Amino acid sequence: GRGHPPEPDGSNAVSMLVRLSIPDQPYYAREIERL
């Protein structure tokens, strides 16, 4: 089923993850194409 955000006292997020990235740059064209 469906995940949920971590509880205020939770030790980890478990069923919620955090995606990361930085703004697109032309010299990262290959990464942008694949990822």
Full PDB file with SEQRES, HELIX, SHEET, SSBOND, CRYST1, ORIGX, SCALE, CONECT and MASTER records, all heavy atoms in Angstrom:
SEQRES   1 A   35  GLY ARG GLY HIS PRO PRO GLU PRO ASP GLY SER ASN ALA          
SEQRES   2 A   35  VAL SER MET LEU VAL ARG LEU SER ILE PRO ASP GLN PRO          
SEQRES   3 A   35  TYR TYR ALA ARG GLU ILE GLU ARG LEU                          
HELIX    1 AA1 PRO A   26  TYR A   28  5                                   3    
HELIX    2 AA2 ALA A   29  ARG A   34  1                                   6    
CRYST1    1.000    1.000    1.000  90.00  90.00  90.00 P 1           1          
ORIGX1      1.000000  0.000000  0.000000        0.00000                         
ORIGX2      0.000000  1.000000  0.000000        0.00000                         
ORIGX3      0.000000  0.000000  1.000000        0.00000                         
SCALE1      1.000000  0.000000  0.000000        0.00000                         
SCALE2      0.000000  1.000000  0.000000        0.00000                         
SCALE3      0.000000  0.000000  1.000000        0.00000                         
ATOM      1  N   GLY A   1       0.797  -1.220   0.000  1.00  0.00           N  
ATOM      2  CA  GLY A   1       0.000   0.000   0.000  1.00  0.00           C  
ATOM      3  C   GLY A   1       0.829   1.268   0.000  1.00  0.00           C  
ATOM      4  O   GLY A   1       1.979   1.309  -0.420  1.00  0.00           O  
ATOM      5  N   ARG A   2       0.245   2.303   0.506  1.00  0.00           N  
ATOM      6  CA  ARG A   2       0.734   3.679   0.405  1.00  0.00           C  
ATOM      7  C   ARG A   2       1.639   4.025   1.586  1.00  0.00           C  
ATOM      8  O   ARG A   2       1.361   3.671   2.735  1.00  0.00           O  
ATOM      9  CB  ARG A   2      -0.480   4.612   0.389  1.00  0.00           C  
ATOM     10  CG  ARG A   2      -0.197   6.067   0.119  1.00  0.00           C  
ATOM     11  CD  ARG A   2      -1.501   6.856   0.179  1.00  0.00           C  
ATOM     12  NE  ARG A   2      -2.493   6.316  -0.734  1.00  0.00           N  
ATOM     13  CZ  ARG A   2      -2.618   6.676  -2.011  1.00  0.00           C  
ATOM     14  NH1 ARG A   2      -1.819   7.585  -2.520  1.00  0.00           N  
ATOM     15  NH2 ARG A   2      -3.549   6.140  -2.762  1.00  0.00           N  
ATOM     16  N   GLY A   3       2.736   4.752   1.292  1.00  0.00           N  
ATOM     17  CA  GLY A   3       3.618   5.225   2.343  1.00  0.00           C  
ATOM     18  C   GLY A   3       3.087   6.479   3.018  1.00  0.00           C  
ATOM     19  O   GLY A   3       2.010   6.990   2.683  1.00  0.00           O  
ATOM     20  N   HIS A   4       3.867   6.988   3.982  1.00  0.00           N  
ATOM     21  CA  HIS A   4       3.442   8.180   4.721  1.00  0.00           C  
ATOM     22  C   HIS A   4       4.669   8.952   5.173  1.00  0.00           C  
ATOM     23  O   HIS A   4       5.781   8.406   5.242  1.00  0.00           O  
ATOM     24  CB  HIS A   4       2.596   7.785   5.931  1.00  0.00           C  
ATOM     25  CG  HIS A   4       3.316   6.863   6.895  1.00  0.00           C  
ATOM     26  ND1 HIS A   4       4.195   7.318   7.840  1.00  0.00           N  
ATOM     27  CD2 HIS A   4       3.305   5.513   7.014  1.00  0.00           C  
ATOM     28  CE1 HIS A   4       4.682   6.301   8.530  1.00  0.00           C  
ATOM     29  NE2 HIS A   4       4.167   5.189   8.037  1.00  0.00           N  
ATOM     30  N   PRO A   5       4.521  10.224   5.488  1.00  0.00           N  
ATOM     31  CA  PRO A   5       5.653  11.014   5.981  1.00  0.00           C  
ATOM     32  C   PRO A   5       6.108  10.481   7.339  1.00  0.00           C  
ATOM     33  O   PRO A   5       5.362   9.780   8.042  1.00  0.00           O  
ATOM     34  CB  PRO A   5       5.080  12.422   6.112  1.00  0.00           C  
ATOM     35  CG  PRO A   5       3.787  12.415   5.375  1.00  0.00           C  
ATOM     36  CD  PRO A   5       3.290  11.019   5.410  1.00  0.00           C  
ATOM     37  N   PRO A   6       7.348  10.819   7.740  1.00  0.00           N  
ATOM     38  CA  PRO A   6       7.820  10.360   9.049  1.00  0.00           C  
ATOM     39  C   PRO A   6       7.050  11.014  10.182  1.00  0.00           C  
ATOM     40  O   PRO A   6       6.600  12.163  10.074  1.00  0.00           O  
ATOM     41  CB  PRO A   6       9.290  10.792   9.055  1.00  0.00           C  
ATOM     42  CG  PRO A   6       9.356  11.935   8.094  1.00  0.00           C  
ATOM     43  CD  PRO A   6       8.353  11.619   7.026  1.00  0.00           C  
ATOM     44  N   GLU A   7       6.916  10.286  11.271  1.00  0.00           N  
ATOM     45  CA  GLU A   7       6.329  10.858  12.476  1.00  0.00           C  
ATOM     46  C   GLU A   7       7.314  11.841  13.103  1.00  0.00           C  
ATOM     47  O   GLU A   7       8.530  11.743  12.878  1.00  0.00           O  
ATOM     48  CB  GLU A   7       5.979   9.747  13.473  1.00  0.00           C  
ATOM     49  CG  GLU A   7       4.991   8.722  12.949  1.00  0.00           C  
ATOM     50  CD  GLU A   7       3.635   9.307  12.613  1.00  0.00           C  
ATOM     51  OE1 GLU A   7       3.266  10.328  13.262  1.00  0.00           O  
ATOM     52  OE2 GLU A   7       2.946   8.769  11.731  1.00  0.00           O  
ATOM     53  N   PRO A   8       6.830  12.787  13.897  1.00  0.00           N  
ATOM     54  CA  PRO A   8       7.739  13.787  14.480  1.00  0.00           C  
ATOM     55  C   PRO A   8       8.901  13.183  15.261  1.00  0.00           C  
ATOM     56  O   PRO A   8       9.997  13.739  15.279  1.00  0.00           O  
ATOM     57  CB  PRO A   8       6.808  14.606  15.393  1.00  0.00           C  
ATOM     58  CG  PRO A   8       5.453  14.452  14.778  1.00  0.00           C  
ATOM     59  CD  PRO A   8       5.420  13.057  14.220  1.00  0.00           C  
ATOM     60  N   ASP A   9       8.680  12.043  15.902  1.00  0.00           N  
ATOM     61  CA  ASP A   9       9.735  11.412  16.700  1.00  0.00           C  
ATOM     62  C   ASP A   9      10.364  10.220  15.995  1.00  0.00           C  
ATOM     63  O   ASP A   9      11.066   9.418  16.614  1.00  0.00           O  
ATOM     64  CB  ASP A   9       9.181  10.967  18.060  1.00  0.00           C  
ATOM     65  CG  ASP A   9       7.990  10.007  17.924  1.00  0.00           C  
ATOM     66  OD1 ASP A   9       7.484   9.839  16.789  1.00  0.00           O  
ATOM     67  OD2 ASP A   9       7.571   9.449  18.945  1.00  0.00           O  
ATOM     68  N   GLY A  10      10.137  10.071  14.693  1.00  0.00           N  
ATOM     69  CA  GLY A  10      10.658   8.923  13.961  1.00  0.00           C  
ATOM     70  C   GLY A  10      12.167   9.015  13.765  1.00  0.00           C  
ATOM     71  O   GLY A  10      12.722  10.096  13.577  1.00  0.00           O  
ATOM     72  N   SER A  11      12.842   7.846  13.781  1.00  0.00           N  
ATOM     73  CA  SER A  11      14.294   7.826  13.614  1.00  0.00           C  
ATOM     74  C   SER A  11      14.701   7.862  12.145  1.00  0.00           C  
ATOM     75  O   SER A  11      15.823   8.209  11.803  1.00  0.00           O  
ATOM     76  CB  SER A  11      14.888   6.587  14.286  1.00  0.00           C  
ATOM     77  OG  SER A  11      14.335   5.397  13.718  1.00  0.00           O  
ATOM     78  N   ASN A  12      13.790   7.475  11.258  1.00  0.00           N  
ATOM     79  CA  ASN A  12      14.051   7.584   9.821  1.00  0.00           C  
ATOM     80  C   ASN A  12      12.721   7.730   9.095  1.00  0.00           C  
ATOM     81  O   ASN A  12      11.653   7.518   9.666  1.00  0.00           O  
ATOM     82  CB  ASN A  12      14.850   6.381   9.296  1.00  0.00           C  
ATOM     83  CG  ASN A  12      14.202   5.063   9.658  1.00  0.00           C  
ATOM     84  OD1 ASN A  12      13.097   4.772   9.241  1.00  0.00           O  
ATOM     85  ND2 ASN A  12      14.910   4.251  10.454  1.00  0.00           N  
ATOM     86  N   ALA A  13      12.811   8.085   7.810  1.00  0.00           N  
ATOM     87  CA  ALA A  13      11.594   8.366   7.043  1.00  0.00           C  
ATOM     88  C   ALA A  13      10.908   7.100   6.554  1.00  0.00           C  
ATOM     89  O   ALA A  13       9.698   7.092   6.337  1.00  0.00           O  
ATOM     90  CB  ALA A  13      11.932   9.268   5.863  1.00  0.00           C  
ATOM     91  N   VAL A  14      11.629   6.011   6.338  1.00  0.00           N  
ATOM     92  CA  VAL A  14      11.157   4.699   5.908  1.00  0.00           C  
ATOM     93  C   VAL A  14      10.328   4.759   4.634  1.00  0.00           C  
ATOM     94  O   VAL A  14      10.836   4.482   3.559  1.00  0.00           O  
ATOM     95  CB  VAL A  14      10.388   3.963   7.034  1.00  0.00           C  
ATOM     96  CG1 VAL A  14       9.995   2.567   6.553  1.00  0.00           C  
ATOM     97  CG2 VAL A  14      11.243   3.838   8.275  1.00  0.00           C  
ATOM     98  N   SER A  15       9.044   5.096   4.722  1.00  0.00           N  
ATOM     99  CA  SER A  15       8.188   5.002   3.530  1.00  0.00           C  
ATOM    100  C   SER A  15       8.040   6.329   2.795  1.00  0.00           C  
ATOM    101  O   SER A  15       7.164   6.485   1.966  1.00  0.00           O  
ATOM    102  CB  SER A  15       6.811   4.455   3.909  1.00  0.00           C  
ATOM    103  OG  SER A  15       6.138   5.316   4.806  1.00  0.00           O  
ATOM    104  N   MET A  16       8.913   7.282   3.101  1.00  0.00           N  
ATOM    105  CA  MET A  16       9.009   8.521   2.333  1.00  0.00           C  
ATOM    106  C   MET A  16      10.472   8.783   2.043  1.00  0.00           C  
ATOM    107  O   MET A  16      11.317   8.692   2.939  1.00  0.00           O  
ATOM    108  CB  MET A  16       8.434   9.708   3.100  1.00  0.00           C  
ATOM    109  CG  MET A  16       8.386  10.993   2.271  1.00  0.00           C  
ATOM    110  SD  MET A  16       8.032  12.478   3.237  1.00  0.00           S  
ATOM    111  CE  MET A  16       9.678  12.827   3.886  1.00  0.00           C  
ATOM    112  N   LEU A  17      10.797   9.066   0.792  1.00  0.00           N  
ATOM    113  CA  LEU A  17      12.177   9.395   0.452  1.00  0.00           C  
ATOM    114  C   LEU A  17      12.234  10.819  -0.096  1.00  0.00           C  
ATOM    115  O   LEU A  17      11.202  11.437  -0.385  1.00  0.00           O  
ATOM    116  CB  LEU A  17      12.759   8.394  -0.538  1.00  0.00           C  
ATOM    117  CG  LEU A  17      12.030   8.178  -1.868  1.00  0.00           C  
ATOM    118  CD1 LEU A  17      12.418   9.215  -2.904  1.00  0.00           C  
ATOM    119  CD2 LEU A  17      12.321   6.778  -2.396  1.00  0.00           C  
ATOM    120  N   VAL A  18      13.447  11.328  -0.204  1.00  0.00           N  
ATOM    121  CA  VAL A  18      13.640  12.698  -0.684  1.00  0.00           C  
ATOM    122  C   VAL A  18      14.520  12.669  -1.922  1.00  0.00           C  
ATOM    123  O   VAL A  18      15.670  12.209  -1.883  1.00  0.00           O  
ATOM    124  CB  VAL A  18      14.282  13.585   0.396  1.00  0.00           C  
ATOM    125  CG1 VAL A  18      14.519  14.996  -0.153  1.00  0.00           C  
ATOM    126  CG2 VAL A  18      13.403  13.649   1.635  1.00  0.00           C  
ATOM    127  N   ARG A  19      13.971  13.143  -3.046  1.00  0.00           N  
ATOM    128  CA  ARG A  19      14.735  13.286  -4.278  1.00  0.00           C  
ATOM    129  C   ARG A  19      15.550  14.576  -4.208  1.00  0.00           C  
ATOM    130  O   ARG A  19      15.103  15.582  -3.648  1.00  0.00           O  
ATOM    131  CB  ARG A  19      13.794  13.349  -5.479  1.00  0.00           C  
ATOM    132  CG  ARG A  19      12.919  12.130  -5.657  1.00  0.00           C  
ATOM    133  CD  ARG A  19      13.675  10.982  -6.224  1.00  0.00           C  
ATOM    134  NE  ARG A  19      12.796   9.900  -6.640  1.00  0.00           N  
ATOM    135  CZ  ARG A  19      13.155   8.635  -6.669  1.00  0.00           C  
ATOM    136  NH1 ARG A  19      14.376   8.280  -6.319  1.00  0.00           N  
ATOM    137  NH2 ARG A  19      12.307   7.705  -7.061  1.00  0.00           N  
ATOM    138  N   LEU A  20      16.733  14.533  -4.811  1.00  0.00           N  
ATOM    139  CA  LEU A  20      17.629  15.670  -4.826  1.00  0.00           C  
ATOM    140  C   LEU A  20      18.050  15.990  -6.258  1.00  0.00           C  
ATOM    141  O   LEU A  20      18.164  15.089  -7.091  1.00  0.00           O  
ATOM    142  CB  LEU A  20      18.900  15.375  -4.021  1.00  0.00           C  
ATOM    143  CG  LEU A  20      18.751  14.905  -2.577  1.00  0.00           C  
ATOM    144  CD1 LEU A  20      20.114  14.490  -2.031  1.00  0.00           C  
ATOM    145  CD2 LEU A  20      18.146  15.995  -1.708  1.00  0.00           C  
ATOM    146  N   SER A  21      18.310  17.236  -6.531  1.00  0.00           N  
ATOM    147  CA  SER A  21      18.910  17.644  -7.806  1.00  0.00           C  
ATOM    148  C   SER A  21      19.308  19.093  -7.688  1.00  0.00           C  
ATOM    149  O   SER A  21      18.979  19.779  -6.711  1.00  0.00           O  
ATOM    150  CB  SER A  21      17.938  17.447  -8.969  1.00  0.00           C  
ATOM    151  OG  SER A  21      16.785  18.265  -8.822  1.00  0.00           O  
ATOM    152  N   ILE A  22      20.049  19.571  -8.701  1.00  0.00           N  
ATOM    153  CA  ILE A  22      20.355  20.987  -8.807  1.00  0.00           C  
ATOM    154  C   ILE A  22      19.821  21.468 -10.147  1.00  0.00           C  
ATOM    155  O   ILE A  22      19.505  20.652 -11.019  1.00  0.00           O  
ATOM    156  CB  ILE A  22      21.863  21.268  -8.657  1.00  0.00           C  
ATOM    157  CG1 ILE A  22      22.670  20.574  -9.764  1.00  0.00           C  
ATOM    158  CG2 ILE A  22      22.351  20.843  -7.280  1.00  0.00           C  
ATOM    159  CD1 ILE A  22      24.149  20.916  -9.738  1.00  0.00           C  
ATOM    160  N   PRO A  23      19.689  22.773 -10.335  1.00  0.00           N  
ATOM    161  CA  PRO A  23      19.113  23.261 -11.595  1.00  0.00           C  
ATOM    162  C   PRO A  23      19.883  22.757 -12.819  1.00  0.00           C  
ATOM    163  O   PRO A  23      21.101  22.544 -12.766  1.00  0.00           O  
ATOM    164  CB  PRO A  23      19.214  24.786 -11.455  1.00  0.00           C  
ATOM    165  CG  PRO A  23      19.185  25.022  -9.981  1.00  0.00           C  
ATOM    166  CD  PRO A  23      19.935  23.868  -9.383  1.00  0.00           C  
ATOM    167  N   ASP A  24      19.163  22.584 -13.905  1.00  0.00           N  
ATOM    168  CA  ASP A  24      19.755  22.066 -15.139  1.00  0.00           C  
ATOM    169  C   ASP A  24      20.863  22.991 -15.633  1.00  0.00           C  
ATOM    170  O   ASP A  24      20.724  24.218 -15.603  1.00  0.00           O  
ATOM    171  CB  ASP A  24      18.692  21.942 -16.236  1.00  0.00           C  
ATOM    172  CG  ASP A  24      17.607  20.931 -15.871  1.00  0.00           C  
ATOM    173  OD1 ASP A  24      17.772  20.248 -14.854  1.00  0.00           O  
ATOM    174  OD2 ASP A  24      16.614  20.842 -16.609  1.00  0.00           O  
ATOM    175  N   GLN A  25      21.941  22.371 -16.090  1.00  0.00           N  
ATOM    176  CA  GLN A  25      23.044  23.104 -16.692  1.00  0.00           C  
ATOM    177  C   GLN A  25      23.385  22.447 -18.026  1.00  0.00           C  
ATOM    178  O   GLN A  25      23.389  21.217 -18.128  1.00  0.00           O  
ATOM    179  CB  GLN A  25      24.281  23.077 -15.779  1.00  0.00           C  
ATOM    180  CG  GLN A  25      24.061  23.712 -14.411  1.00  0.00           C  
ATOM    181  CD  GLN A  25      23.913  25.218 -14.477  1.00  0.00           C  
ATOM    182  OE1 GLN A  25      24.341  25.836 -15.451  1.00  0.00           O  
ATOM    183  NE2 GLN A  25      23.295  25.803 -13.455  1.00  0.00           N  
ATOM    184  N   PRO A  26      23.694  23.220 -19.067  1.00  0.00           N  
ATOM    185  CA  PRO A  26      23.947  22.636 -20.386  1.00  0.00           C  
ATOM    186  C   PRO A  26      25.047  21.588 -20.396  1.00  0.00           C  
ATOM    187  O   PRO A  26      24.968  20.598 -21.123  1.00  0.00           O  
ATOM    188  CB  PRO A  26      24.355  23.858 -21.232  1.00  0.00           C  
ATOM    189  CG  PRO A  26      23.751  25.023 -20.534  1.00  0.00           C  
ATOM    190  CD  PRO A  26      23.771  24.687 -19.077  1.00  0.00           C  
ATOM    191  N   TYR A  27      26.099  21.762 -19.570  1.00  0.00           N  
ATOM    192  CA  TYR A  27      27.208  20.816 -19.594  1.00  0.00           C  
ATOM    193  C   TYR A  27      26.870  19.496 -18.886  1.00  0.00           C  
ATOM    194  O   TYR A  27      27.695  18.591 -18.842  1.00  0.00           O  
ATOM    195  CB  TYR A  27      28.479  21.433 -19.001  1.00  0.00           C  
ATOM    196  CG  TYR A  27      28.293  22.189 -17.707  1.00  0.00           C  
ATOM    197  CD1 TYR A  27      28.257  21.539 -16.483  1.00  0.00           C  
ATOM    198  CD2 TYR A  27      28.138  23.576 -17.733  1.00  0.00           C  
ATOM    199  CE1 TYR A  27      28.085  22.241 -15.308  1.00  0.00           C  
ATOM    200  CE2 TYR A  27      27.973  24.294 -16.556  1.00  0.00           C  
ATOM    201  CZ  TYR A  27      27.953  23.620 -15.343  1.00  0.00           C  
ATOM    202  OH  TYR A  27      27.780  24.330 -14.190  1.00  0.00           O  
ATOM    203  N   TYR A  28      25.684  19.381 -18.317  1.00  0.00           N  
ATOM    204  CA  TYR A  28      25.218  18.115 -17.759  1.00  0.00           C  
ATOM    205  C   TYR A  28      24.193  17.460 -18.684  1.00  0.00           C  
ATOM    206  O   TYR A  28      23.335  16.698 -18.243  1.00  0.00           O  
ATOM    207  CB  TYR A  28      24.571  18.330 -16.390  1.00  0.00           C  
ATOM    208  CG  TYR A  28      25.552  18.563 -15.272  1.00  0.00           C  
ATOM    209  CD1 TYR A  28      25.609  19.793 -14.626  1.00  0.00           C  
ATOM    210  CD2 TYR A  28      26.417  17.549 -14.849  1.00  0.00           C  
ATOM    211  CE1 TYR A  28      26.502  20.020 -13.581  1.00  0.00           C  
ATOM    212  CE2 TYR A  28      27.316  17.762 -13.814  1.00  0.00           C  
ATOM    213  CZ  TYR A  28      27.351  19.006 -13.181  1.00  0.00           C  
ATOM    214  OH  TYR A  28      28.239  19.221 -12.153  1.00  0.00           O  
ATOM    215  N   ALA A  29      24.263  17.735 -19.975  1.00  0.00           N  
ATOM    216  CA  ALA A  29      23.243  17.267 -20.912  1.00  0.00           C  
ATOM    217  C   ALA A  29      23.066  15.751 -20.852  1.00  0.00           C  
ATOM    218  O   ALA A  29      21.946  15.233 -20.943  1.00  0.00           O  
ATOM    219  CB  ALA A  29      23.596  17.697 -22.335  1.00  0.00           C  
ATOM    220  N   ARG A  30      24.172  14.988 -20.728  1.00  0.00           N  
ATOM    221  CA  ARG A  30      24.065  13.528 -20.704  1.00  0.00           C  
ATOM    222  C   ARG A  30      23.309  13.045 -19.466  1.00  0.00           C  
ATOM    223  O   ARG A  30      22.466  12.156 -19.550  1.00  0.00           O  
ATOM    224  CB  ARG A  30      25.462  12.905 -20.751  1.00  0.00           C  
ATOM    225  CG  ARG A  30      25.485  11.371 -20.789  1.00  0.00           C  
ATOM    226  CD  ARG A  30      24.725  10.830 -21.975  1.00  0.00           C  
ATOM    227  NE  ARG A  30      24.793   9.373 -22.026  1.00  0.00           N  
ATOM    228  CZ  ARG A  30      23.979   8.615 -22.720  1.00  0.00           C  
ATOM    229  NH1 ARG A  30      23.005   9.165 -23.428  1.00  0.00           N  
ATOM    230  NH2 ARG A  30      24.103   7.296 -22.722  1.00  0.00           N  
ATOM    231  N   GLU A  31      23.605  13.645 -18.293  1.00  0.00           N  
ATOM    232  CA  GLU A  31      22.898  13.262 -17.074  1.00  0.00           C  
ATOM    233  C   GLU A  31      21.406  13.584 -17.185  1.00  0.00           C  
ATOM    234  O   GLU A  31      20.556  12.807 -16.766  1.00  0.00           O  
ATOM    235  CB  GLU A  31      23.506  13.981 -15.860  1.00  0.00           C  
ATOM    236  CG  GLU A  31      24.798  13.383 -15.350  1.00  0.00           C  
ATOM    237  CD  GLU A  31      26.010  13.847 -16.149  1.00  0.00           C  
ATOM    238  OE1 GLU A  31      25.819  14.536 -17.172  1.00  0.00           O  
ATOM    239  OE2 GLU A  31      27.140  13.509 -15.749  1.00  0.00           O  
ATOM    240  N   ILE A  32      21.113  14.757 -17.772  1.00  0.00           N  
ATOM    241  CA  ILE A  32      19.707  15.139 -17.912  1.00  0.00           C  
ATOM    242  C   ILE A  32      18.983  14.157 -18.831  1.00  0.00           C  
ATOM    243  O   ILE A  32      17.842  13.770 -18.584  1.00  0.00           O  
ATOM    244  CB  ILE A  32      19.594  16.579 -18.446  1.00  0.00           C  
ATOM    245  CG1 ILE A  32      20.194  17.562 -17.438  1.00  0.00           C  
ATOM    246  CG2 ILE A  32      18.142  16.933 -18.725  1.00  0.00           C  
ATOM    247  CD1 ILE A  32      20.347  18.964 -17.970  1.00  0.00           C  
ATOM    248  N   GLU A  33      19.647  13.717 -19.898  1.00  0.00           N  
ATOM    249  CA  GLU A  33      19.024  12.776 -20.819  1.00  0.00           C  
ATOM    250  C   GLU A  33      18.736  11.443 -20.138  1.00  0.00           C  
ATOM    251  O   GLU A  33      17.660  10.873 -20.298  1.00  0.00           O  
ATOM    252  CB  GLU A  33      19.932  12.554 -22.031  1.00  0.00           C  
ATOM    253  CG  GLU A  33      19.340  11.572 -23.049  1.00  0.00           C  
ATOM    254  CD  GLU A  33      20.295  11.266 -24.187  1.00  0.00           C  
ATOM    255  OE1 GLU A  33      21.522  11.252 -23.958  1.00  0.00           O  
ATOM    256  OE2 GLU A  33      19.803  11.037 -25.301  1.00  0.00           O  
ATOM    257  N   ARG A  34      19.700  10.921 -19.359  1.00  0.00           N  
ATOM    258  CA  ARG A  34      19.548   9.593 -18.763  1.00  0.00           C  
ATOM    259  C   ARG A  34      18.762   9.614 -17.460  1.00  0.00           C  
ATOM    260  O   ARG A  34      17.985   8.708 -17.176  1.00  0.00           O  
ATOM    261  CB  ARG A  34      20.922   8.975 -18.489  1.00  0.00           C  
ATOM    262  CG  ARG A  34      21.722   8.595 -19.724  1.00  0.00           C  
ATOM    263  CD  ARG A  34      22.995   7.842 -19.342  1.00  0.00           C  
ATOM    264  NE  ARG A  34      23.832   8.625 -18.438  1.00  0.00           N  
ATOM    265  CZ  ARG A  34      23.957   8.403 -17.129  1.00  0.00           C  
ATOM    266  NH1 ARG A  34      23.280   7.433 -16.547  1.00  0.00           N  
ATOM    267  NH2 ARG A  34      24.746   9.162 -16.383  1.00  0.00           N  
ATOM    268  N   LEU A  35      18.996  10.625 -16.628  1.00  0.00           N  
ATOM    269  CA  LEU A  35      18.410  10.666 -15.291  1.00  0.00           C  
ATOM    270  C   LEU A  35      17.226  11.607 -15.185  1.00  0.00           C  
ATOM    271  O   LEU A  35      16.457  11.531 -14.233  1.00  0.00           O  
ATOM    272  CB  LEU A  35      19.480  11.082 -14.266  1.00  0.00           C  
ATOM    273  CG  LEU A  35      20.734  10.215 -14.191  1.00  0.00           C  
ATOM    274  CD1 LEU A  35      21.736  10.838 -13.222  1.00  0.00           C  
ATOM    275  CD2 LEU A  35      20.382   8.792 -13.767  1.00  0.00           C  
TER     276      LEU A  35                                                      
MASTER        0    0    0    2    0    0    0    6  275    1    0    3          
END                                                                             
